[in-house]
Structures are given as C-alpha cells and as structure tokens.
Protein backbone atom coordinates (compact mmCIF):
# COMPACT_ATOMS: atom_id res chain seq x y z
CA MET A 1 -19.66 26.27 -13.45
CA THR A 2 -19.52 26.63 -17.49
CA ALA A 3 -19.07 23.78 -19.88
CA SER A 4 -15.05 24.87 -20.03
CA GLY A 5 -14.84 24.85 -16.62
CA LEU A 6 -15.81 21.16 -16.30
CA VAL A 7 -14.04 19.95 -18.82
CA GLU A 8 -10.59 21.27 -17.27
CA ARG A 9 -11.97 19.69 -13.91
CA HIS A 10 -12.44 16.41 -15.79
CA VAL A 11 -9.00 16.23 -16.81
CA ALA A 12 -7.55 17.83 -13.75
CA PHE A 13 -9.34 14.77 -11.93
CA LEU A 14 -8.10 12.25 -14.40
CA GLU A 15 -4.51 13.17 -13.84
CA ALA A 16 -5.18 13.36 -10.05
CA LEU A 17 -6.13 9.52 -10.45
CA ARG A 18 -3.39 9.02 -12.36
CA GLY A 19 -1.15 10.80 -9.81
CA ALA A 20 -2.88 8.87 -7.17
CA GLY A 21 -1.74 5.27 -8.85
CA LEU A 22 -5.09 4.57 -10.62
CA SER A 23 -3.77 3.52 -14.44
CA VAL A 24 -6.63 5.65 -16.23
CA SER A 25 -5.89 5.68 -20.18
CA LEU A 26 -7.12 8.12 -22.67
CA ALA A 27 -10.02 5.58 -23.89
CA GLU A 28 -11.27 5.30 -20.13
CA GLY A 29 -11.56 9.42 -19.75
CA LEU A 30 -13.32 9.49 -23.42
CA ASP A 31 -15.80 6.54 -21.97
CA ALA A 32 -16.46 8.73 -18.85
CA VAL A 33 -16.97 11.47 -20.96
CA ALA A 34 -19.31 9.71 -23.37
CA ALA A 35 -21.15 8.45 -20.05
CA LEU A 36 -21.75 11.47 -18.51
CA SER A 37 -22.98 13.11 -21.54
CA ALA A 38 -26.34 11.32 -21.34
CA LEU A 39 -26.69 12.16 -17.69
CA PRO A 40 -28.16 14.72 -15.60
CA TRP A 41 -24.85 16.90 -14.06
CA ASP A 42 -27.08 18.16 -11.50
CA GLN A 43 -27.11 14.90 -9.56
CA ARG A 44 -23.99 14.48 -7.85
CA GLU A 45 -24.48 11.00 -6.90
CA THR A 46 -25.18 10.16 -10.77
CA VAL A 47 -21.91 11.77 -11.97
CA HIS A 48 -20.03 9.87 -9.08
CA ALA A 49 -21.51 6.50 -10.00
CA ALA A 50 -20.35 7.35 -14.08
CA TYR A 51 -16.97 8.08 -13.07
CA ALA A 52 -16.61 4.75 -10.96
CA ALA A 53 -18.05 2.75 -13.13
CA THR A 54 -15.88 3.67 -16.24
CA LEU A 55 -12.47 4.80 -14.00
CA VAL A 56 -11.96 2.29 -11.28
CA LYS A 57 -10.86 -1.20 -12.06
CA LYS A 58 -10.39 -2.43 -8.57
CA GLN A 59 -12.13 -2.40 -5.49
CA SER A 60 -8.69 -1.49 -3.61
CA GLN A 61 -9.11 1.66 -5.79
CA ARG A 62 -12.15 3.03 -4.60
CA PRO A 63 -11.00 4.62 -1.24
CA THR A 64 -8.74 7.07 -3.22
CA PHE A 65 -11.04 7.48 -6.46
CA ASP A 66 -13.88 8.36 -3.58
CA ALA A 67 -11.53 10.82 -1.71
CA LEU A 68 -10.48 12.36 -4.98
CA PHE A 69 -13.91 13.00 -6.47
CA ASP A 70 -15.31 14.81 -2.96
CA VAL A 71 -12.03 17.42 -3.91
CA TYR A 72 -12.96 18.22 -7.29
CA PHE A 73 -16.37 17.38 -6.68
CA PRO A 74 -17.18 18.76 -3.09
CA ARG A 75 -20.79 18.23 -1.93
CA LEU A 76 -20.85 21.46 -0.38
CA VAL A 77 -19.39 24.73 -0.52
CA GLY A 78 -18.20 26.45 2.68
CA GLU A 79 -19.96 25.29 5.58
CA GLY A 80 -23.15 24.62 3.27
CA ALA A 81 -26.21 23.38 5.15
CA ALA A 82 -24.44 24.08 8.20
CA ARG A 83 -23.76 27.68 7.66
CA GLU A 84 -27.33 29.38 9.63
CA GLU A 85 -26.78 26.93 12.56
CA THR A 86 -22.96 27.32 13.16
CA ASP A 87 -23.60 31.36 12.64
CA GLU A 88 -25.64 31.89 15.38
CA THR A 89 -23.81 29.64 17.99
CA VAL A 90 -21.11 30.13 19.89
CA ARG A 91 -17.96 27.97 17.63
CA ASP A 92 -16.27 26.39 20.32
CA ASN A 93 -16.27 26.83 24.43
CA GLY A 94 -17.26 23.80 26.95
CA GLN A 95 -21.09 24.40 26.78
CA ALA A 96 -20.90 24.03 22.84
CA LEU A 97 -18.52 20.76 22.93
CA GLY A 98 -21.37 19.16 25.43
CA GLU A 99 -24.08 19.76 23.25
CA PHE A 100 -22.05 19.05 20.43
CA ARG A 101 -21.31 15.72 21.87
CA GLU A 102 -25.05 15.08 23.02
CA ARG A 103 -26.33 15.35 19.27
CA LEU A 104 -23.71 13.08 17.48
CA ALA A 105 -24.32 10.31 20.24
CA GLU A 106 -27.77 10.29 19.67
CA ALA A 107 -26.85 10.30 15.84
CA LEU A 108 -24.41 7.69 15.87
CA ALA A 109 -26.41 5.23 18.19
CA ALA A 110 -29.49 5.88 15.64
CA GLY A 111 -27.19 5.53 12.28
CA ASP A 112 -28.61 8.32 11.06
CA GLN A 113 -26.16 8.96 7.94
CA GLN A 114 -27.69 12.28 6.90
CA ALA A 115 -27.30 13.29 10.50
CA LEU A 116 -23.88 12.58 10.59
CA LEU A 117 -23.27 14.00 7.82
CA ARG A 118 -24.33 17.52 8.50
CA LEU A 119 -22.45 16.50 12.22
CA ALA A 120 -19.54 16.23 10.43
CA VAL A 121 -19.40 19.38 8.32
CA GLU A 122 -20.51 21.20 11.03
CA MET A 123 -17.63 19.76 13.81
CA VAL A 124 -14.73 20.79 11.09
CA GLY A 125 -16.55 24.45 10.91
CA ARG A 126 -16.57 24.63 14.72
CA PHE A 127 -13.63 22.38 16.29
CA GLY A 128 -11.18 22.18 13.55
CA ALA A 129 -10.53 26.19 12.36
CA MET A 130 -7.14 27.33 12.63
CA PRO A 131 -7.09 30.64 11.62
CA GLY A 132 -4.06 32.94 11.34
CA ARG A 133 -1.83 30.20 10.60
CA GLY A 134 1.74 30.98 8.77
CA PRO A 135 2.13 31.06 4.91
CA GLY A 136 1.68 27.77 3.52
CA LEU A 137 -0.16 26.24 6.31
CA SER A 138 -3.94 25.33 5.99
CA SER A 139 -6.89 27.07 8.38
CA TRP A 140 -8.66 23.45 8.74
CA SER A 141 -7.57 20.55 10.51
CA ALA A 142 -9.52 17.01 11.02
CA TYR A 143 -6.75 15.82 13.43
CA THR A 144 -7.49 18.83 15.68
CA ALA A 145 -11.34 18.36 15.47
CA LEU A 146 -11.26 15.07 16.28
CA GLN A 147 -8.76 15.63 19.22
CA ARG A 148 -11.33 17.77 20.34
CA VAL A 149 -14.68 16.12 20.29
CA SER A 150 -12.89 12.19 20.94
CA PRO A 151 -15.89 10.39 18.92
CA ALA A 152 -14.52 6.84 19.87
CA GLU A 153 -15.41 7.82 23.57
CA LEU A 154 -18.94 7.66 22.58
CA THR A 155 -18.34 3.88 21.40
CA GLU A 156 -19.85 2.58 24.88
CA ARG A 157 -23.13 4.85 24.72
CA ILE A 158 -23.41 3.28 20.91
CA VAL A 159 -22.82 0.02 22.10
CA GLN A 160 -25.21 0.07 25.24
CA SER A 161 -28.01 1.90 22.98
CA LEU A 162 -27.22 -1.11 20.39
CA LEU A 163 -27.95 -3.81 22.75
CA ALA A 164 -30.87 -1.89 24.35
CA GLU A 165 -32.12 -2.76 20.27
CA GLY A 166 -31.22 -6.38 20.85
CA ARG A 167 -28.35 -6.99 19.53
CA SER A 168 -25.38 -9.61 20.45
CA GLU A 169 -22.56 -7.82 22.94
CA GLU A 170 -20.20 -8.81 19.46
CA GLU A 171 -22.22 -7.60 16.86
CA ALA A 172 -23.02 -4.13 18.92
CA ALA A 173 -19.14 -3.72 19.56
CA ARG A 174 -18.69 -4.19 15.89
CA VAL A 175 -21.49 -1.99 14.30
CA ALA A 176 -19.91 0.57 16.62
CA GLY A 177 -16.43 0.73 15.78
CA ARG A 178 -17.79 0.65 11.93
CA ARG A 179 -19.76 4.34 12.50
CA ILE A 180 -17.13 5.63 14.18
CA GLY A 181 -15.00 4.86 11.47
CA SER A 182 -17.13 6.06 8.85
CA PHE A 183 -17.73 9.66 10.97
CA THR A 184 -14.12 9.93 11.19
CA ARG A 185 -13.79 9.73 7.58
CA GLN A 186 -16.72 11.81 6.70
CA VAL A 187 -15.07 14.63 9.18
CA GLU A 188 -11.13 13.75 7.29
CA ASP A 189 -12.95 14.21 3.87
CA ASP A 190 -15.20 17.71 4.99
CA ALA A 191 -11.40 18.79 6.12
CA ARG A 192 -9.98 17.91 2.46
CA ARG A 193 -13.01 19.81 0.82
CA ARG A 194 -12.04 22.97 3.07
CA ILE A 195 -8.70 22.58 2.21
CA ALA A 196 -8.94 21.98 -1.39
CA GLU A 197 -11.84 25.84 -1.27
CA GLU A 198 -8.71 27.30 0.37
CA LYS A 199 -5.52 26.18 -1.74
CA GLY A 200 -7.27 24.07 -4.80
CA PRO A 201 -7.82 20.75 -5.46
CA ASP A 202 -4.44 19.95 -6.78
CA HIS A 203 -2.98 20.75 -3.76
CA VAL A 204 -4.61 18.12 -1.80
CA ALA A 205 -4.90 15.60 -4.09
CA ASP A 206 -0.78 15.86 -3.85
CA VAL A 207 -0.50 15.94 -0.59
CA ALA A 208 -3.68 15.04 1.26
CA VAL A 209 -5.10 12.16 -0.56
CA ARG A 210 -3.95 8.93 0.66
CA PRO A 211 -2.58 6.88 -2.70
CA THR A 212 -3.96 3.37 -3.50
CA ILE A 213 -3.18 0.30 -1.63
CA ASP A 214 -1.00 -1.16 -4.08
CA ARG A 215 1.37 2.06 -4.09
CA LEU A 216 0.89 3.15 -0.19
CA ASP A 217 4.40 3.10 1.55
CA PHE A 218 4.80 0.23 3.73
CA THR A 219 6.29 2.30 6.30
CA ALA A 220 3.65 4.97 6.22
CA ALA A 221 0.54 2.41 6.11
CA ARG A 222 -1.98 2.06 8.95
CA LYS A 223 -3.24 -1.15 10.60
CA SER A 224 -5.87 -1.27 8.56
CA ASP A 225 -4.20 -0.98 5.49
CA LEU A 226 -1.86 -3.77 6.63
CA GLU A 227 -4.83 -5.45 6.52
CA GLU A 228 -5.88 -4.69 3.32
CA MET A 229 -2.17 -5.28 1.99
CA ARG A 230 -2.34 -8.90 3.00
CA ARG A 231 -5.52 -9.76 1.31
CA GLU A 232 -3.65 -8.10 -1.86
CA ILE A 233 -0.70 -9.94 -1.59
CA TYR A 234 -2.09 -13.41 -3.05
CA PRO A 235 -4.05 -11.97 -6.22
CA LEU A 236 -0.88 -9.84 -6.95
CA ALA A 237 0.90 -13.41 -6.61
CA ARG A 238 -1.62 -15.27 -8.94
CA ARG A 239 -1.03 -12.71 -11.34
CA LEU A 240 2.67 -12.96 -11.35
CA ALA A 241 3.03 -16.56 -11.38
CA THR A 242 0.36 -16.53 -14.33
CA ARG A 243 2.16 -14.27 -15.81
CA LEU A 244 5.95 -15.62 -15.42
CA THR A 245 4.35 -18.95 -16.43
CA GLN A 246 3.36 -17.73 -20.09
CA GLU A 247 6.72 -15.81 -20.58
CA HIS A 248 8.35 -19.37 -19.41
CA HIS A 249 6.50 -20.98 -22.07
CA SER A 250 6.83 -18.49 -25.03
CA ARG A 251 10.46 -18.82 -23.99
CA ARG A 252 10.58 -22.35 -24.27
CA ARG A 253 12.33 -22.77 -27.79
CA GLY A 254 16.21 -22.83 -27.78
CA PRO A 255 18.75 -21.70 -30.53
CA LEU A 256 18.28 -23.31 -34.00
CA ASP A 257 19.30 -27.02 -34.60
CA PHE A 258 20.50 -26.22 -37.99
CA ARG A 259 20.96 -30.07 -38.83
CA ARG A 260 17.35 -30.89 -37.78
CA THR A 261 16.25 -28.21 -39.97
CA VAL A 262 18.59 -28.89 -43.13
CA ARG A 263 17.70 -32.97 -42.51
CA ALA A 264 13.66 -31.47 -42.39
CA SER A 265 13.91 -30.02 -45.88
CA ILE A 266 15.12 -32.68 -47.91
CA SER A 267 11.32 -33.79 -48.08
CA THR A 268 10.72 -30.31 -49.84
CA GLY A 269 13.46 -30.05 -52.43
CA GLY A 270 16.15 -29.04 -50.02
CA VAL A 271 13.63 -26.05 -48.93
CA PRO A 272 13.77 -25.25 -44.92
CA LEU A 273 9.97 -24.62 -44.56
CA VAL A 274 9.97 -25.26 -41.00
CA THR A 275 12.71 -24.64 -38.59
CA HIS A 276 13.85 -27.01 -35.28
CA GLN A 277 15.26 -25.58 -32.08
CA ARG A 278 17.11 -26.89 -29.68
CA PRO A 279 15.53 -27.92 -26.64
CA LYS A 280 16.01 -25.24 -23.69
CA ARG A 281 16.92 -26.66 -20.18
CA PRO A 282 15.38 -24.67 -17.57
CA HIS A 283 16.89 -23.00 -14.91
CA ARG A 284 15.53 -22.76 -10.99
CA SER A 285 17.30 -21.09 -8.54
CA GLU A 286 17.62 -21.15 -5.32
CA LEU A 287 16.27 -18.14 -3.44
CA VAL A 288 18.19 -17.20 0.19
CA VAL A 289 16.06 -14.17 1.81
CA LEU A 290 17.81 -12.15 4.99
CA CYS A 291 15.13 -9.68 6.54
CA ASP A 292 15.81 -6.93 8.68
CA VAL A 293 12.64 -7.28 11.01
CA SER A 294 13.31 -4.05 13.38
CA GLY A 295 10.80 -1.58 14.27
CA SER A 296 8.70 -0.11 11.17
CA VAL A 297 10.65 -2.46 8.61
CA ALA A 298 8.95 -5.40 10.06
CA SER A 299 6.09 -5.17 7.95
CA PHE A 300 7.79 -4.38 5.00
CA ALA A 301 9.73 -7.57 5.31
CA GLN A 302 6.55 -9.60 6.32
CA PHE A 303 4.83 -8.68 2.93
CA THR A 304 8.16 -9.63 1.07
CA LEU A 305 8.03 -13.21 2.81
CA LEU A 306 4.70 -13.70 2.20
CA LEU A 307 5.14 -12.53 -1.56
CA VAL A 308 7.79 -14.84 -1.80
CA PHE A 309 6.19 -18.09 0.07
CA ALA A 310 3.18 -17.37 -2.15
CA LEU A 311 5.90 -17.95 -5.44
CA ARG A 312 7.72 -20.80 -4.00
CA ASP A 313 6.78 -22.84 -6.54
CA GLN A 314 8.71 -20.49 -9.12
CA PHE A 315 12.17 -21.30 -6.98
CA GLN A 316 13.44 -24.86 -6.59
CA LYS A 317 14.29 -24.25 -2.60
CA VAL A 318 13.57 -21.18 -0.73
CA ARG A 319 15.11 -20.59 2.74
CA ALA A 320 14.48 -17.32 4.72
CA PHE A 321 16.09 -16.01 7.84
CA THR A 322 15.36 -12.72 10.00
CA PHE A 323 18.02 -10.83 11.89
CA ILE A 324 17.73 -7.26 14.42
CA ASP A 325 21.45 -8.15 15.39
CA HIS A 326 21.27 -11.96 15.51
CA VAL A 327 20.14 -14.04 12.62
CA HIS A 328 16.95 -16.69 13.11
CA GLU A 329 15.57 -19.23 10.32
CA VAL A 330 12.20 -18.79 9.51
CA THR A 331 11.69 -21.78 6.45
CA GLU A 332 10.03 -23.68 8.72
CA ASN A 333 6.96 -21.09 8.72
CA PHE A 334 6.47 -21.32 4.48
CA THR A 335 4.90 -25.00 4.80
CA PRO A 336 2.88 -25.67 1.78
CA GLY A 337 -1.01 -24.90 2.63
CA ALA A 338 0.05 -22.40 5.24
CA ASP A 339 -2.66 -19.87 6.10
CA ALA A 340 -1.16 -16.20 5.12
CA ALA A 341 -2.47 -15.36 8.57
CA ASP A 342 -0.93 -18.23 10.40
CA VAL A 343 2.34 -17.19 8.60
CA MET A 344 2.03 -13.49 9.54
CA ALA A 345 1.76 -14.25 13.29
CA GLU A 346 4.73 -16.72 13.46
CA LEU A 347 6.84 -14.52 11.50
CA ALA A 348 5.89 -11.66 13.94
CA ALA A 349 6.59 -13.88 16.98
CA SER A 350 9.87 -14.80 15.64
CA THR A 351 11.06 -11.54 15.80
CA ALA A 352 12.12 -12.53 19.84
CA HIS A 353 14.75 -15.04 18.34
CA ALA A 354 16.34 -12.54 15.91
CA ALA A 355 17.44 -9.82 18.45
CA LEU A 356 19.96 -10.31 21.84
CA TRP A 357 20.01 -6.26 22.86
CA GLY A 358 17.12 -5.57 20.34
CA ARG A 359 19.45 -2.56 18.47
CA THR A 360 19.43 -3.26 14.66
CA ASN A 361 23.14 -4.43 13.94
CA TYR A 362 23.50 -5.55 9.93
CA GLY A 363 27.27 -6.08 10.54
CA ARG A 364 26.98 -8.58 13.88
CA ALA A 365 24.12 -10.24 11.29
CA PHE A 366 25.93 -10.87 8.30
CA THR A 367 28.97 -12.11 10.10
CA LYS A 368 26.52 -14.68 12.42
CA PHE A 369 25.18 -15.29 9.11
CA MET A 370 28.55 -16.15 7.59
CA GLU A 371 29.29 -18.43 10.63
CA GLN A 372 26.02 -20.48 10.92
CA HIS A 373 24.30 -20.67 7.62
CA ALA A 374 27.14 -20.23 4.95
CA ASP A 375 26.25 -23.10 3.57
CA ALA A 376 22.57 -22.27 2.46
CA LEU A 377 24.48 -19.99 -0.53
CA GLY A 378 26.04 -21.77 -3.70
CA PRO A 379 25.97 -20.95 -7.16
CA LYS A 380 22.92 -21.96 -7.73
CA SER A 381 21.38 -19.72 -5.41
CA SER A 382 20.23 -16.11 -5.39
CA LEU A 383 20.33 -13.86 -2.11
CA LEU A 384 17.68 -11.44 -1.55
CA ILE A 385 18.43 -8.71 1.34
CA LEU A 386 15.59 -6.77 2.81
CA GLY A 387 16.12 -3.93 5.14
CA ASP A 388 16.37 0.03 5.51
CA ALA A 389 20.32 0.11 5.64
CA ARG A 390 20.34 1.53 8.86
CA SER A 391 23.58 0.39 11.13
CA ASN A 392 22.97 2.41 14.90
CA TYR A 393 26.64 3.74 13.36
CA SER A 394 27.82 0.00 13.98
CA ASP A 395 30.18 -2.02 12.20
CA LEU A 396 29.49 -2.65 8.96
CA ALA A 397 31.03 -6.03 8.04
CA LEU A 398 31.56 -4.86 4.48
CA ASP A 399 34.06 -8.07 4.22
CA SER A 400 31.17 -10.59 5.23
CA LEU A 401 28.88 -9.09 2.85
CA ARG A 402 31.27 -9.29 0.26
CA ALA A 403 31.73 -12.94 0.97
CA MET A 404 27.59 -13.45 0.93
CA GLU A 405 27.58 -11.70 -2.66
CA ARG A 406 30.65 -13.97 -4.09
CA ASP A 407 29.28 -17.11 -3.45
CA THR A 408 25.81 -16.16 -4.68
CA ARG A 409 24.65 -16.38 -8.49
CA HIS A 410 23.06 -13.45 -7.86
CA ALA A 411 22.21 -11.07 -4.80
CA TRP A 412 20.06 -7.82 -4.56
CA TRP A 413 18.71 -5.96 -1.91
CA LEU A 414 15.47 -3.94 -1.06
CA ASN A 415 15.20 -1.04 0.58
CA PRO A 416 11.86 0.61 1.94
CA GLU A 417 13.03 4.16 2.08
CA ALA A 418 12.51 6.27 -0.40
CA ARG A 419 15.77 7.36 -2.19
CA ARG A 420 16.01 10.59 -1.08
CA HIS A 421 16.69 9.64 2.64
CA TRP A 422 19.62 7.11 1.77
CA ASP A 423 22.81 7.61 3.20
CA THR A 424 21.66 10.15 5.90
CA GLY A 425 21.93 9.80 9.40
CA ASP A 426 22.56 6.28 10.42
CA SER A 427 21.99 4.91 6.89
CA VAL A 428 24.73 3.22 5.18
CA ALA A 429 23.14 2.87 1.61
CA GLY A 430 25.61 3.98 -0.36
CA ARG A 431 28.47 1.80 1.25
CA TYR A 432 26.22 -1.84 0.80
CA GLY A 433 24.59 -0.53 -2.40
CA GLU A 434 28.14 -0.91 -3.71
CA ILE A 435 28.51 -4.48 -2.86
CA VAL A 436 25.00 -5.47 -3.45
CA PRO A 437 23.07 -3.83 -5.75
CA MET A 438 20.14 -1.81 -4.29
CA VAL A 439 16.46 -1.19 -5.07
CA GLU A 440 14.14 0.93 -3.92
CA CYS A 441 10.77 -0.97 -3.22
CA ARG A 442 8.43 1.28 -0.98
CA ASN A 443 5.19 -0.26 -2.15
CA LEU A 444 3.33 -3.41 -3.61
CA THR A 445 3.71 -2.37 -6.82
CA GLN A 446 7.00 -1.64 -6.86
CA LEU A 447 7.64 -5.53 -4.87
CA GLY A 448 5.71 -6.70 -7.96
CA GLU A 449 7.62 -5.20 -10.60
CA PHE A 450 11.09 -6.49 -9.24
CA VAL A 451 10.18 -10.04 -8.33
CA HIS A 452 8.76 -10.21 -12.08
CA ASP A 453 12.00 -8.78 -12.89
CA ILE A 454 14.28 -11.08 -10.82
CA LEU A 455 12.32 -14.13 -12.38
C-alpha cells in the first residue's frame, strides 16, 4: 500500500470509529499519526496497539475498535495461510466436515490460538461460502459456517479434556465456554474481513460492525450485551450525578439583590464594587415512572429504572410502576443500598403482576393507573412513561393520559423504537405524542442525555 493509500485508510478508519460511537477528535487522530510515525508499519500488532493507545478511552469501546481495525487493517488477504490446504481438499461434504470438527476439537481442547486462527479462516472458506447470491448480498456468512460446524456441540469434549488435566468441573465448563465464544468471534471476524474485501471496508463498518455498548440499541442487545450494559449503568449515573451537582452549584446564585448591593457600596464611596444576589431556593421534583415491561421493551424499561434508581438522590421522591395490561407498583424494590443485580431480578419477577391477559394494553393500564394510583401525581411531580406505544389495536384511553399529563408539573415519554418505525403497524406514537412529548431513546447514550436534560 502506498503512502497516500495509508493516509486514506487512516482517515477512513477514524471516520468509521466515529460512526460507531467512539469520540475520536482531530487531536487524537494526529496523536495516532505521531505514534505510528515512530513505529514499523509492517508489524500489525504494534500498529494495532498504537491505535488503541491513542484512540480508545474506555474498555467498553474495545470490542468495536478491534472489529473495525480488523476490517480496515486485515490480518490476511483472501484465504491467506489456509489457501493451499483448502485448495487441495474437498470444500464441504460429510467426510470433510467430520475431519474438520476433529481438528477443531483438538485445537479447542489444547487452547492453541494459532491453530484456532487458521481453523477460523478455513471454516469460513469451506463452510461459509455462499456463491451466486443476488446483487447486494454477500458471498460469505459466519452464521452459515457456524450452523454447519456447530462448535458449541464440542463443549463436552473440551470439558472432558480439561477435567483430565485436573481442573474442577465448574472451571472446565467456564473455560470451555470462553474458548467456544472466542472461536465464534474469530469466525465472525474472518467473515467480515472477506466481506470487506468484496464490498469495501466502509460497507462493513456501516452494516456489520456492532456499535459501542453505549450506542447499542436496547432492543437489539444480546444476553452478553445486557450484562455489559448493566455494568455501565452505575458509572453513567455517577458521571451524571457529579455533573448535575456541579451545575446546580454554579446556578445557586439567584437574581441581583439591588438593596444589599447599594448598601454595601457605601463603604466604597457609592461605587458598587461587589454585587450581592438573593438566595436561590432549590427545587427538587417528585418523579413518577410508568414502564411497559412487555417483550423486548422490558430490557429498556429495566435499564431506565436502574438509572433512575441510581440517581434517586436527585429527586425528592421516586415512585415506579410497571405494566403490560395491568399496573403494579415496584417502588419498594428501590431501597437504598440494594444490589443492582437483585433489583434487576426483582423487576423481572414483578412482570407477572403487571399482566392479566399478557397482551400490551396501554389504554387499560392508563385507566387503571388513574383509578388506583392518581394520588402519586401532583403539582410537584414529573411523569416519565417508558414504552414503544404499540397498543395491539386496543382502546387508547386518551382522556386518561390527558388527565395524567394535566395533573403533573412535567411529563415525558421515552420510546426505545427508532422514530422511523413510529405510527407503523399497531404503533400509536403520534397520537400519544400529541399529549405527552415523546423522545426517541434507543441506547445508553440517549438515555444519559435525556436524564441530564430533565434534571
């Protein structure tokens, strides 16, 4: 690659990082160039470490950074080290599959990383090829390769090998799961590399690389993503609380106290050298949270409740309710000092109390809330509704929502769906949004920005 080609690849890589949610400044890009100018470009791991040291700020950003680095600075071209071997063998039949699984099981049991890297490349080349697909579709699929080989089915063999080494059963199961997960990621990385060669790295960066955890959609999160999001909630809450405290202190001074200022100026011959302000009365509102906990919306509601729980000192009082087609109060779960994992478990268990028939019914939930919990609302309270506004074509009870909005000081609605999906199918986001201002909130970044704004 020429010098101009390297510069173009560097700029494209930085743009892809920004597009995936990493805040890479111009100065940091120049820092990376300065670091790389003192390092050998032919040593890929050194280049990788230099970029990471200058561009990555949080550990949660590292998986996205690594995936994009592999796309823009691939380890191999084509089938690389596996080319000669795969060209001399039948690519995919029963015998080839059996032989490959045997070699894979041995490498996984031994934890041989170099062998596993070669096997990942070979696996995509032999079992993930999808030639002859239509225009716009890729010729490579990690999913197809993984379905064909099913490395997870080799877990028991790996466990038995680790037990023979003297490891405990629990440790063996944990190590086996970790090795299978690592190999799966290697297969996905190689499929992305091949697609990038076929369609260009920018295409892969736009559609195939998962964003950083703080920009990952709640509704698209996998189980492992949810665990990482949970770990991010409390650092996010601490940062918000610190920033809010600083801003409250900076706004503590009230309007000019003209009388005190003039009186103090007597000592300086009538010149007001020092101004005096009237004390500003602090105001902390009560917060009422009403959460849809049905289906995929449940994860979004739980994370929002957890963030509110972590920031509860910013409010005078917090009351929380969950619903599907019935309303259930969960305020008692938000006790000071409670463990985040326990709160998540209790909120998940409370879902059964929020449903009678199991189908989301916003109208019935709003009506029941006003019948049973109208006392939670008042002139000092702010209402926060969490949900996708998909009503299953039921009665909307707009009058009940208007009464809820009228009885509160402020009201907001957070919707975890992308705005382009509002008012499609059974979504009534537009009609509810006419009564309560509705905000798109699909990830931790948008959630943090919203909480900062309302406080």
